Amino acid sequence: MALTPADKAELFGGFDVDGHAEEAAANWGGTPAWTESQRRTSSYGKDEWRRCLAESGEISRGLAALMAAQVPASSKEAMDLAEEHRRHITRWFYDCTSEIHRGLGELYVTDARFTASLDQAAKGLAHYLRDAINANAAR
């Protein structure tokens, strides 16, 4: 179900969904993960996107709270939320293996746009999430 420009603005705010999709297609188009993500998300309407975004926000808020409480990213609590983050991607987009998840963690801290987006919830969250992802993948 195609979202209208108004739907995209309501759901994603100032995030350029279409521009990001074009860049992602150029980088990963044709990979099994990309193909699966396109297949799944093409059927999402506003309700599915709202649930997906709410779930993502809940994970981010949990990580931000741990970070604010100075709980190490290598703690069980942070690793459990990193695992929930990985499962969230698998549930909504594609099979996110630990290896793929580590790559995403690196992208979150090397691409300023991802860092800025994640750090809206809490400054430093992108690095904390990356560290929790790496700890989770190693356990």
Protein backbone atom coordinates (compact mmCIF):
# COMPACT_ATOMS: atom_id res chain seq x y z
CA MET A 1 0.00 0.00 0.00
CA ALA A 2 1.61 3.23 -1.15
CA LEU A 3 1.86 6.05 1.33
CA THR A 4 0.95 9.53 0.24
CA PRO A 5 3.39 12.41 0.77
CA ALA A 6 1.14 13.55 3.64
CA ASP A 7 1.31 10.06 5.20
CA LYS A 8 5.11 10.07 4.94
CA ALA A 9 5.31 13.52 6.55
CA GLU A 10 3.01 12.39 9.37
CA LEU A 11 4.91 9.16 10.00
CA PHE A 12 8.52 10.12 9.32
CA GLY A 13 8.63 13.87 9.92
CA GLY A 14 11.53 15.50 8.11
CA PHE A 15 13.20 12.19 7.24
CA ASP A 16 13.53 11.91 3.45
CA VAL A 17 12.15 8.39 3.00
CA ASP A 18 12.29 8.47 -0.80
CA GLY A 19 15.83 9.87 -0.97
CA HIS A 20 17.01 7.32 1.56
CA ALA A 21 15.32 4.51 -0.39
CA GLU A 22 17.11 5.55 -3.59
CA GLU A 23 20.48 5.61 -1.84
CA ALA A 24 19.81 2.26 -0.15
CA ALA A 25 18.82 0.75 -3.50
CA ALA A 26 22.08 1.97 -5.02
CA ASN A 27 24.08 0.44 -2.15
CA TRP A 28 22.18 -2.79 -1.45
CA GLY A 29 19.67 -3.26 -4.26
CA GLY A 30 19.53 -6.84 -5.43
CA THR A 31 20.78 -8.36 -2.17
CA PRO A 32 18.48 -10.87 -0.49
CA ALA A 33 17.96 -8.52 2.48
CA TRP A 34 17.03 -5.62 0.20
CA THR A 35 14.66 -7.77 -1.84
CA GLU A 36 12.95 -9.12 1.28
CA SER A 37 12.66 -5.66 2.83
CA GLN A 38 11.08 -4.29 -0.34
CA ARG A 39 8.65 -7.20 -0.50
CA ARG A 40 7.55 -6.74 3.10
CA THR A 41 7.37 -2.96 3.31
CA SER A 42 5.51 -2.60 0.03
CA SER A 43 2.42 -3.97 1.79
CA TYR A 44 2.67 -1.73 4.88
CA GLY A 45 0.06 0.92 5.38
CA LYS A 46 -0.01 3.64 8.00
CA ASP A 47 -1.03 1.26 10.78
CA GLU A 48 1.88 -1.11 10.17
CA TRP A 49 4.35 1.77 9.97
CA ARG A 50 2.95 3.23 13.19
CA ARG A 51 3.48 -0.09 14.99
CA CYS A 52 6.97 -0.48 13.54
CA LEU A 53 7.97 3.04 14.54
CA ALA A 54 6.42 2.69 18.02
CA GLU A 55 8.37 -0.52 18.60
CA SER A 56 11.59 1.12 17.40
CA GLY A 57 10.97 4.12 19.65
CA GLU A 58 10.42 1.87 22.65
CA ILE A 59 13.77 0.17 22.06
CA SER A 60 15.51 3.55 21.68
CA ARG A 61 13.94 4.90 24.86
CA GLY A 62 15.02 1.80 26.76
CA LEU A 63 18.59 2.13 25.53
CA ALA A 64 18.61 5.86 26.27
CA ALA A 65 17.44 5.19 29.84
CA LEU A 66 20.19 2.64 30.38
CA MET A 67 22.76 5.01 28.94
CA ALA A 68 21.50 7.86 31.17
CA ALA A 69 21.81 5.57 34.19
CA GLN A 70 25.40 4.83 33.11
CA VAL A 71 24.66 1.14 32.62
CA PRO A 72 27.47 -0.25 30.42
CA ALA A 73 26.59 -1.15 26.84
CA SER A 74 28.03 -4.59 27.61
CA SER A 75 25.47 -5.19 30.38
CA LYS A 76 22.85 -7.90 30.07
CA GLU A 77 20.12 -5.24 29.93
CA ALA A 78 21.74 -3.34 27.07
CA MET A 79 22.61 -6.52 25.18
CA ASP A 80 19.01 -7.71 25.58
CA LEU A 81 17.75 -4.46 24.05
CA ALA A 82 20.31 -4.76 21.24
CA GLU A 83 18.95 -8.24 20.60
CA GLU A 84 15.42 -6.82 20.57
CA HIS A 85 16.65 -4.25 18.03
CA ARG A 86 18.00 -7.08 15.85
CA ARG A 87 14.72 -8.99 16.16
CA HIS A 88 12.78 -5.82 15.33
CA ILE A 89 14.66 -5.54 12.04
CA THR A 90 14.04 -9.24 11.35
CA ARG A 91 10.34 -8.89 12.21
CA TRP A 92 9.72 -5.84 10.02
CA PHE A 93 12.31 -5.86 7.25
CA TYR A 94 14.63 -8.83 6.64
CA ASP A 95 16.55 -11.57 8.40
CA CYS A 96 19.07 -9.56 10.37
CA THR A 97 21.91 -11.87 11.33
CA SER A 98 24.41 -10.88 14.01
CA GLU A 99 26.91 -10.12 11.24
CA ILE A 100 24.49 -7.82 9.45
CA HIS A 101 23.56 -6.24 12.78
CA ARG A 102 27.22 -5.45 13.51
CA GLY A 103 27.46 -3.79 10.11
CA LEU A 104 24.41 -1.68 10.90
CA GLY A 105 25.96 -0.69 14.21
CA GLU A 106 29.01 0.60 12.38
CA LEU A 107 26.82 2.45 9.90
CA TYR A 108 25.03 4.12 12.80
CA VAL A 109 28.30 5.73 13.94
CA THR A 110 30.05 6.30 10.59
CA ASP A 111 27.15 7.92 8.72
CA ALA A 112 26.40 11.28 10.30
CA ARG A 113 22.75 11.09 9.21
CA PHE A 114 22.18 7.85 11.14
CA THR A 115 24.10 9.20 14.13
CA ALA A 116 22.03 12.39 14.17
CA SER A 117 18.78 10.46 13.85
CA LEU A 118 19.59 8.05 16.69
CA ASP A 119 21.05 10.80 18.86
CA GLN A 120 17.74 12.69 18.74
CA ALA A 121 16.56 10.31 21.47
CA ALA A 122 19.72 10.91 23.51
CA LYS A 123 23.13 12.31 22.64
CA GLY A 124 25.55 9.43 22.26
CA LEU A 125 22.85 6.81 21.64
CA ALA A 126 24.26 5.76 18.25
CA HIS A 127 27.59 4.81 19.82
CA TYR A 128 25.92 3.15 22.80
CA LEU A 129 23.69 1.09 20.50
CA ARG A 130 26.67 0.11 18.34
CA ASP A 131 28.58 -1.01 21.44
CA ALA A 132 25.58 -2.96 22.73
CA ILE A 133 25.16 -4.60 19.32
CA ASN A 134 28.79 -5.68 19.31
CA ALA A 135 28.56 -7.00 22.87
CA ASN A 136 25.36 -8.86 22.05
CA ALA A 137 26.86 -10.42 18.92
CA ALA A 138 29.88 -11.61 20.91
CA ARG A 139 27.90 -13.31 23.69
